[in-house]
Protein backbone atom coordinates (compact mmCIF):
# COMPACT_ATOMS: atom_id res chain seq x y z
CA UNK A 1 0.00 0.00 0.00
CA UNK A 2 1.39 3.38 -0.90
CA UNK A 3 1.83 5.90 1.90
CA UNK A 4 -1.12 8.27 2.18
CA UNK A 5 -1.06 9.35 5.79
CA UNK A 6 2.14 9.78 7.77
CA UNK A 7 2.82 9.23 11.46
CA UNK A 8 1.24 11.94 13.59
CA UNK A 9 -1.31 12.94 10.92
CA UNK A 10 -4.75 13.68 12.32
CA UNK A 11 -7.81 12.41 10.47
CA UNK A 12 -11.06 14.26 11.23
CA UNK A 13 -14.24 12.43 10.36
CA UNK A 14 -17.38 14.52 9.83
CA UNK A 15 -20.40 12.55 8.56
CA UNK A 16 -22.07 15.68 7.14
CA UNK A 17 -18.95 17.23 5.58
CA UNK A 18 -19.21 18.67 2.08
CA UNK A 19 -16.65 16.55 0.21
CA UNK A 20 -15.40 17.48 -3.25
CA UNK A 21 -14.17 15.21 -6.00
CA UNK A 22 -10.67 13.85 -5.33
CA UNK A 23 -11.16 14.34 -1.58
CA UNK A 24 -10.00 11.58 0.73
CA UNK A 25 -12.81 9.93 2.64
CA UNK A 26 -13.24 7.26 5.31
CA UNK A 27 -16.26 5.06 4.65
CA UNK A 28 -17.97 2.67 7.04
CA UNK A 29 -19.93 -0.08 5.31
CA UNK A 30 -23.18 -1.57 6.57
CA UNK A 31 -21.13 -4.56 7.75
CA UNK A 32 -18.98 -2.34 9.97
CA UNK A 33 -15.84 -2.35 7.80
CA UNK A 34 -13.89 0.92 7.42
CA UNK A 35 -12.18 1.92 4.17
CA UNK A 36 -10.02 4.88 3.16
CA UNK A 37 -10.82 5.93 -0.42
CA UNK A 38 -10.83 8.89 -2.81
CA UNK A 39 -14.18 10.31 -3.88
CA UNK A 40 -14.52 10.06 -7.66
CA UNK A 41 -18.17 11.04 -8.05
CA UNK A 42 -21.29 11.41 -5.94
CA UNK A 43 -24.88 11.28 -7.18
CA UNK A 44 -28.25 11.06 -5.47
CA UNK A 45 -28.16 7.25 -5.55
CA UNK A 46 -24.51 6.24 -5.36
CA UNK A 47 -20.94 7.20 -4.51
CA UNK A 48 -18.00 6.08 -6.66
CA UNK A 49 -14.80 5.58 -4.68
CA UNK A 50 -11.24 4.98 -5.85
CA UNK A 51 -9.00 2.82 -3.69
CA UNK A 52 -5.89 4.39 -2.21
CA UNK A 53 -4.35 0.92 -2.22
CA UNK A 54 -3.89 -0.53 -5.72
CA UNK A 55 -4.20 -4.03 -4.21
CA UNK A 56 -7.90 -3.30 -3.52
CA UNK A 57 -10.66 -2.63 -6.01
CA UNK A 58 -12.51 0.65 -6.46
CA UNK A 59 -16.01 0.62 -4.97
CA UNK A 60 -19.47 1.89 -5.82
CA UNK A 61 -21.60 2.42 -2.71
CA UNK A 62 -25.38 2.89 -2.83
CA UNK A 63 -26.76 5.70 -0.72
């Protein structure tokens, strides 16, 4: 996995934050799994996310 966050970085998680394309996001799935991704696109019905780790697939999450 390529380095995205360094030691001593602070990650602030705001569920209602206004995120722009290419913004880094932390997503919690319905199953309780957390993922760090990059927001590619957001629509009324879905969110397209790009993986920070090339070993993992990009995701499309229904809203």
